[in-house]
Amino acid sequence: MHSIVAKAQLSPNVTRLDVTAPRIAQIRKPGQFVIVRRGEDAERIPLTIADADAAAGTIALVIQSVGKSTQELVALKPGEAIADIAGPLGHPTELIASGRALCIGGGVGTAVVHPIAQGLKRCGVAVLSIIGGRSKEWVIFESELRQLGEVVVCTDDGSYGRHGFVTDAAKDALAAGGIDVVYAVGPVPMMRAVVNVTKPLGVRTIVSLNPVMVDGTGMCGGCRVGVGGQTLFACVDGPEFDGHLVDFDLLMDRLGTYRDFEQRALAACKDGTCKVGLK
């Protein structure tokens, strides 16, 4: 069992849980993730390790509450526990050793960008982070990223920071020159938009993909993605890939495969009639 030692609400539907996982905290690297199971009959959920404290033996999980399983997970309180946390899984981020990196985070993707920026800072790389949200209340990890380098905040409604999308700010940063690599994490349309900006410029762009994932070992095949004309598995070959080679149309199609099932499961639990087939 993994005890919850702290809980914080980062935005209206994003929660941070700091949980005990000593071995994972000691060996995790930027870009890696864990698979969490709240209890014996619960769904397995892949979550990025947003931060870790090796001395305290804790890792930070940032969870966007959008369905039945994630709502149950964020309902946990400090002192309660998560049954299983498997990891660290996936390939660590390929960090450049010098130069200047642009880290772009959209919504909850900003939590995924954070450990990447941490790793780059440790390597001595200059980090510019561009992060965004619908409005000020949806912006997360701003203060943490400001400790690692320059930060530009964008909001869709202009309520905070720069008015507009992260891609608009990215265009300006790239036009100014000096960017050696881009790391982009967020909704699929956002990552695709970033790639559409960087590809004509020939700037290497790494994206973190979020397909349906079950076992985290490549055996189920649920997380297969198209990259450079090949079928790869996000759990063992990723989750980060060369954005210029990703088939985003296929990714979006696969992400919608179980949308109806997820909506029915959530609706069933809201009216108190959760059934075995909808767990």
Protein backbone atom coordinates (compact mmCIF):
# COMPACT_ATOMS: atom_id res chain seq x y z
CA MET A 1 0.00 0.00 0.00
CA HIS A 2 1.16 3.52 -0.84
CA SER A 3 0.05 6.13 1.67
CA ILE A 4 -1.02 9.60 0.56
CA VAL A 5 1.00 12.16 2.49
CA ALA A 6 -0.28 15.35 0.82
CA LYS A 7 -3.05 16.47 -1.48
CA ALA A 8 -3.51 19.73 -3.39
CA GLN A 9 -6.05 21.05 -5.88
CA LEU A 10 -4.08 22.56 -8.77
CA SER A 11 -6.98 23.56 -11.02
CA PRO A 12 -10.74 22.89 -11.13
CA ASN A 13 -10.25 19.29 -12.26
CA VAL A 14 -6.56 18.60 -11.62
CA THR A 15 -5.33 17.22 -8.29
CA ARG A 16 -1.84 16.50 -7.00
CA LEU A 17 -1.29 13.53 -4.71
CA ASP A 18 2.09 13.02 -3.04
CA VAL A 19 2.37 9.33 -2.17
CA THR A 20 4.95 7.05 -0.59
CA ALA A 21 6.90 5.01 -3.14
CA PRO A 22 10.53 4.95 -1.90
CA ARG A 23 12.11 2.74 -4.56
CA ILE A 24 10.43 4.59 -7.42
CA ALA A 25 11.42 7.97 -5.94
CA GLN A 26 15.07 6.93 -5.87
CA ILE A 27 15.41 5.67 -9.45
CA ARG A 28 12.80 7.50 -11.55
CA LYS A 29 13.98 9.68 -14.42
CA PRO A 30 12.30 12.48 -16.40
CA GLY A 31 9.65 11.20 -18.79
CA GLN A 32 8.92 7.98 -16.96
CA PHE A 33 5.53 7.03 -15.57
CA VAL A 34 3.78 4.64 -13.22
CA ILE A 35 0.62 2.57 -13.44
CA VAL A 36 -1.67 3.07 -10.48
CA ARG A 37 -4.46 0.86 -9.18
CA ARG A 38 -6.60 2.37 -6.44
CA GLY A 39 -7.86 -0.98 -5.14
CA GLU A 40 -8.21 -4.64 -5.99
CA ASP A 41 -11.01 -4.25 -8.57
CA ALA A 42 -10.02 -0.83 -9.84
CA GLU A 43 -8.87 0.22 -13.30
CA ARG A 44 -5.16 0.53 -14.02
CA ILE A 45 -4.28 4.17 -14.74
CA PRO A 46 -0.98 5.41 -16.25
CA LEU A 47 0.32 8.61 -14.61
CA THR A 48 3.50 10.59 -15.17
CA ILE A 49 5.81 11.04 -12.20
CA ALA A 50 5.54 14.83 -11.97
CA ASP A 51 8.10 15.14 -9.18
CA ALA A 52 9.89 13.05 -6.58
CA ASP A 53 11.61 13.44 -3.23
CA ALA A 54 14.12 10.63 -2.84
CA ALA A 55 14.94 11.59 0.75
CA ALA A 56 11.29 11.51 1.79
CA GLY A 57 10.54 8.49 -0.40
CA THR A 58 7.61 10.16 -2.14
CA ILE A 59 6.48 10.80 -5.70
CA ALA A 60 3.99 13.34 -7.01
CA LEU A 61 1.08 12.18 -9.16
CA VAL A 62 -0.96 14.78 -11.03
CA ILE A 63 -4.41 13.53 -11.98
CA GLN A 64 -6.99 15.07 -14.27
CA SER A 65 -10.42 14.02 -13.05
CA VAL A 66 -12.42 13.20 -16.18
CA GLY A 67 -13.91 9.74 -15.61
CA LYS A 68 -15.08 7.28 -12.99
CA SER A 69 -11.66 5.87 -12.08
CA THR A 70 -9.86 9.21 -11.87
CA GLN A 71 -12.69 10.70 -9.79
CA GLU A 72 -12.38 7.81 -7.34
CA LEU A 73 -8.63 8.29 -7.18
CA VAL A 74 -8.72 12.02 -6.44
CA ALA A 75 -11.38 11.42 -3.78
CA LEU A 76 -8.70 9.81 -1.59
CA LYS A 77 -7.48 11.85 1.38
CA PRO A 78 -4.12 12.14 3.16
CA GLY A 79 -3.72 9.11 5.38
CA GLU A 80 -5.54 6.84 2.94
CA ALA A 81 -3.63 4.65 0.50
CA ILE A 82 -3.38 3.47 -3.10
CA ALA A 83 -3.13 -0.29 -3.41
CA ASP A 84 -0.59 -0.60 -6.25
CA ILE A 85 1.91 1.65 -8.00
CA ALA A 86 4.05 -0.07 -10.63
CA GLY A 87 7.07 1.67 -12.10
CA PRO A 88 9.03 3.53 -13.14
CA LEU A 89 7.98 2.53 -16.67
CA GLY A 90 8.82 3.79 -20.14
CA HIS A 91 11.96 5.29 -21.63
CA PRO A 92 13.41 8.34 -19.88
CA THR A 93 13.43 11.62 -21.79
CA GLU A 94 16.33 12.13 -24.20
CA LEU A 95 17.81 15.27 -22.67
CA ILE A 96 20.19 17.50 -24.58
CA ALA A 97 23.49 18.13 -22.82
CA SER A 98 23.85 21.81 -23.67
CA GLY A 99 22.13 24.65 -25.46
CA ARG A 100 18.59 25.97 -25.05
CA ALA A 101 15.35 24.02 -24.82
CA LEU A 102 11.76 25.12 -25.25
CA CYS A 103 9.30 23.23 -23.04
CA ILE A 104 5.63 23.65 -23.97
CA GLY A 105 2.86 22.45 -21.66
CA GLY A 106 -0.86 22.63 -22.22
CA GLY A 107 -3.26 22.00 -19.33
CA VAL A 108 -2.34 18.92 -17.30
CA GLY A 109 0.53 18.35 -19.76
CA THR A 110 2.42 21.05 -17.88
CA ALA A 111 2.89 18.55 -15.04
CA VAL A 112 4.59 16.21 -17.52
CA VAL A 113 6.85 19.02 -18.75
CA HIS A 114 8.01 19.79 -15.20
CA PRO A 115 10.33 16.79 -14.66
CA ILE A 116 11.73 17.29 -18.18
CA ALA A 117 12.60 20.90 -17.34
CA GLN A 118 14.14 19.70 -14.06
CA GLY A 119 16.37 17.25 -15.92
CA LEU A 120 17.42 19.87 -18.47
CA LYS A 121 18.30 22.34 -15.72
CA ARG A 122 20.49 19.73 -14.03
CA CYS A 123 22.33 19.26 -17.33
CA GLY A 124 23.05 22.97 -17.52
CA VAL A 125 20.61 23.59 -20.37
CA ALA A 126 18.81 26.95 -20.55
CA VAL A 127 15.06 26.32 -20.28
CA LEU A 128 12.24 28.45 -21.65
CA SER A 129 8.81 27.13 -20.67
CA ILE A 130 5.58 28.17 -22.36
CA ILE A 131 2.53 26.96 -20.49
CA GLY A 132 -1.17 27.52 -20.99
CA GLY A 133 -4.70 27.06 -19.76
CA ARG A 134 -8.23 28.20 -20.53
CA SER A 135 -7.96 30.92 -17.87
CA LYS A 136 -5.78 31.74 -14.86
CA GLU A 137 -7.34 29.06 -12.63
CA TRP A 138 -6.37 26.35 -15.12
CA VAL A 139 -2.64 27.22 -15.18
CA ILE A 140 -0.54 24.77 -13.15
CA PHE A 141 3.13 24.34 -12.13
CA GLU A 142 3.99 27.95 -12.94
CA SER A 143 5.98 28.60 -9.75
CA GLU A 144 7.85 25.30 -10.03
CA LEU A 145 8.89 26.01 -13.61
CA ARG A 146 9.98 29.57 -12.77
CA GLN A 147 12.63 28.03 -10.52
CA LEU A 148 14.06 26.30 -13.59
CA GLY A 149 14.11 29.12 -16.14
CA GLU A 150 12.06 31.72 -17.97
CA VAL A 151 8.30 31.09 -18.16
CA VAL A 152 5.68 32.52 -20.51
CA VAL A 153 2.05 31.93 -19.45
CA CYS A 154 -0.76 31.95 -22.01
CA THR A 155 -4.50 31.88 -21.37
CA ASP A 156 -7.24 31.38 -23.94
CA ASP A 157 -9.34 34.20 -22.48
CA GLY A 158 -6.50 36.59 -21.64
CA SER A 159 -7.32 36.54 -17.92
CA TYR A 160 -3.65 35.96 -17.05
CA GLY A 161 -0.36 36.28 -18.87
CA ARG A 162 -0.43 36.43 -22.63
CA HIS A 163 -3.76 36.25 -24.44
CA GLY A 164 -3.75 33.34 -26.88
CA PHE A 165 -2.52 29.81 -27.41
CA VAL A 166 0.86 28.36 -26.46
CA THR A 167 1.57 27.86 -30.16
CA ASP A 168 1.41 31.63 -30.72
CA ALA A 169 4.07 32.22 -28.07
CA ALA A 170 6.09 29.29 -29.44
CA LYS A 171 6.17 30.88 -32.90
CA ASP A 172 7.67 34.03 -31.40
CA ALA A 173 10.25 32.09 -29.39
CA LEU A 174 11.30 30.06 -32.43
CA ALA A 175 11.44 33.16 -34.64
CA ALA A 176 13.87 34.72 -32.16
CA GLY A 177 16.19 31.74 -32.74
CA GLY A 178 18.52 29.83 -30.46
CA ILE A 179 16.15 26.94 -29.69
CA ASP A 180 17.89 23.56 -30.04
CA VAL A 181 14.97 21.27 -29.16
CA VAL A 182 11.29 21.49 -28.28
CA TYR A 183 9.48 19.29 -25.75
CA ALA A 184 5.69 19.54 -26.06
CA VAL A 185 3.08 17.85 -23.86
CA GLY A 186 -0.64 18.47 -23.79
CA PRO A 187 -3.85 17.71 -25.67
CA VAL A 188 -3.27 15.97 -28.99
CA PRO A 189 -4.47 18.97 -31.07
CA MET A 190 -2.00 21.19 -29.20
CA MET A 191 0.94 18.84 -29.77
CA ARG A 192 0.04 18.52 -33.44
CA ALA A 193 -0.15 22.31 -33.74
CA VAL A 194 3.31 22.64 -32.18
CA VAL A 195 4.70 20.06 -34.62
CA ASN A 196 3.16 21.97 -37.53
CA VAL A 197 5.14 25.01 -36.38
CA THR A 198 8.49 23.29 -35.76
CA LYS A 199 8.59 20.86 -38.67
CA PRO A 200 9.09 23.45 -41.44
CA LEU A 201 11.86 24.99 -39.31
CA GLY A 202 13.61 21.66 -38.80
CA VAL A 203 13.63 22.03 -35.02
CA ARG A 204 13.63 18.67 -33.29
CA THR A 205 10.39 18.19 -31.35
CA ILE A 206 9.66 15.54 -28.73
CA VAL A 207 6.05 14.82 -27.75
CA SER A 208 4.64 12.60 -24.98
CA LEU A 209 1.76 10.41 -26.14
CA ASN A 210 -1.19 9.27 -24.07
CA PRO A 211 -2.95 6.34 -25.82
CA VAL A 212 -5.09 3.82 -23.96
CA MET A 213 -2.74 1.76 -21.77
CA VAL A 214 -3.44 -1.32 -19.64
CA ASP A 215 -0.48 -3.41 -18.55
CA GLY A 216 2.47 -1.11 -19.27
CA THR A 217 4.63 -3.95 -20.60
CA GLY A 218 3.64 -4.02 -24.29
CA MET A 219 1.70 -7.28 -23.97
CA CYS A 220 -1.85 -5.94 -24.34
CA GLY A 221 -1.16 -3.83 -27.44
CA GLY A 222 -3.64 -1.20 -26.35
CA CYS A 223 -1.14 1.67 -26.51
CA ARG A 224 0.06 1.10 -30.06
CA VAL A 225 0.83 4.25 -32.02
CA GLY A 226 2.02 5.04 -35.53
CA VAL A 227 5.48 6.63 -35.64
CA GLY A 228 7.42 6.98 -38.89
CA GLY A 229 5.26 4.35 -40.59
CA GLN A 230 5.92 1.81 -37.84
CA THR A 231 3.61 0.49 -35.13
CA LEU A 232 5.19 1.11 -31.73
CA PHE A 233 3.98 0.80 -28.16
CA ALA A 234 3.86 3.92 -26.00
CA CYS A 235 4.49 1.98 -22.78
CA VAL A 236 7.77 0.33 -23.80
CA ASP A 237 8.94 2.33 -26.85
CA GLY A 238 7.82 5.69 -25.43
CA PRO A 239 5.91 7.47 -24.11
CA GLU A 240 7.99 10.14 -25.87
CA PHE A 241 8.51 10.15 -29.61
CA ASP A 242 9.76 12.35 -32.43
CA GLY A 243 6.73 14.56 -33.03
CA HIS A 244 7.58 15.00 -36.70
CA LEU A 245 6.99 11.27 -37.24
CA VAL A 246 3.82 10.72 -35.18
CA ASP A 247 0.55 9.82 -36.91
CA PHE A 248 -1.72 12.15 -34.95
CA ASP A 249 -4.85 11.17 -36.89
CA LEU A 250 -4.44 7.55 -35.79
CA LEU A 251 -3.74 8.64 -32.21
CA MET A 252 -6.90 10.74 -32.02
CA ASP A 253 -8.97 7.94 -33.52
CA ARG A 254 -7.70 5.41 -30.99
CA LEU A 255 -8.25 7.79 -28.08
CA GLY A 256 -11.93 7.91 -28.97
CA THR A 257 -12.38 4.13 -29.09
CA TYR A 258 -13.75 3.76 -25.56
CA ARG A 259 -15.27 7.22 -25.13
CA ASP A 260 -18.86 5.94 -25.10
CA PHE A 261 -18.01 3.22 -22.58
CA GLU A 262 -16.27 5.74 -20.33
CA GLN A 263 -19.26 8.09 -20.41
CA ARG A 264 -21.67 5.26 -19.55
CA ALA A 265 -19.46 4.11 -16.67
CA LEU A 266 -19.32 7.62 -15.23
CA ALA A 267 -23.08 8.16 -15.63
CA ALA A 268 -23.85 4.81 -13.98
CA CYS A 269 -21.81 5.68 -10.92
CA LYS A 270 -23.26 9.17 -10.61
CA ASP A 271 -26.76 7.76 -10.28
CA GLY A 272 -25.57 5.14 -7.79
CA THR A 273 -26.10 2.14 -10.04
CA CYS A 274 -22.49 1.08 -10.72
CA LYS A 275 -22.60 -2.38 -12.23
CA VAL A 276 -19.91 -5.01 -12.61
CA GLY A 277 -19.69 -4.53 -16.35
CA LEU A 278 -19.10 -0.81 -15.96
CA LYS A 279 -16.30 -0.85 -13.37
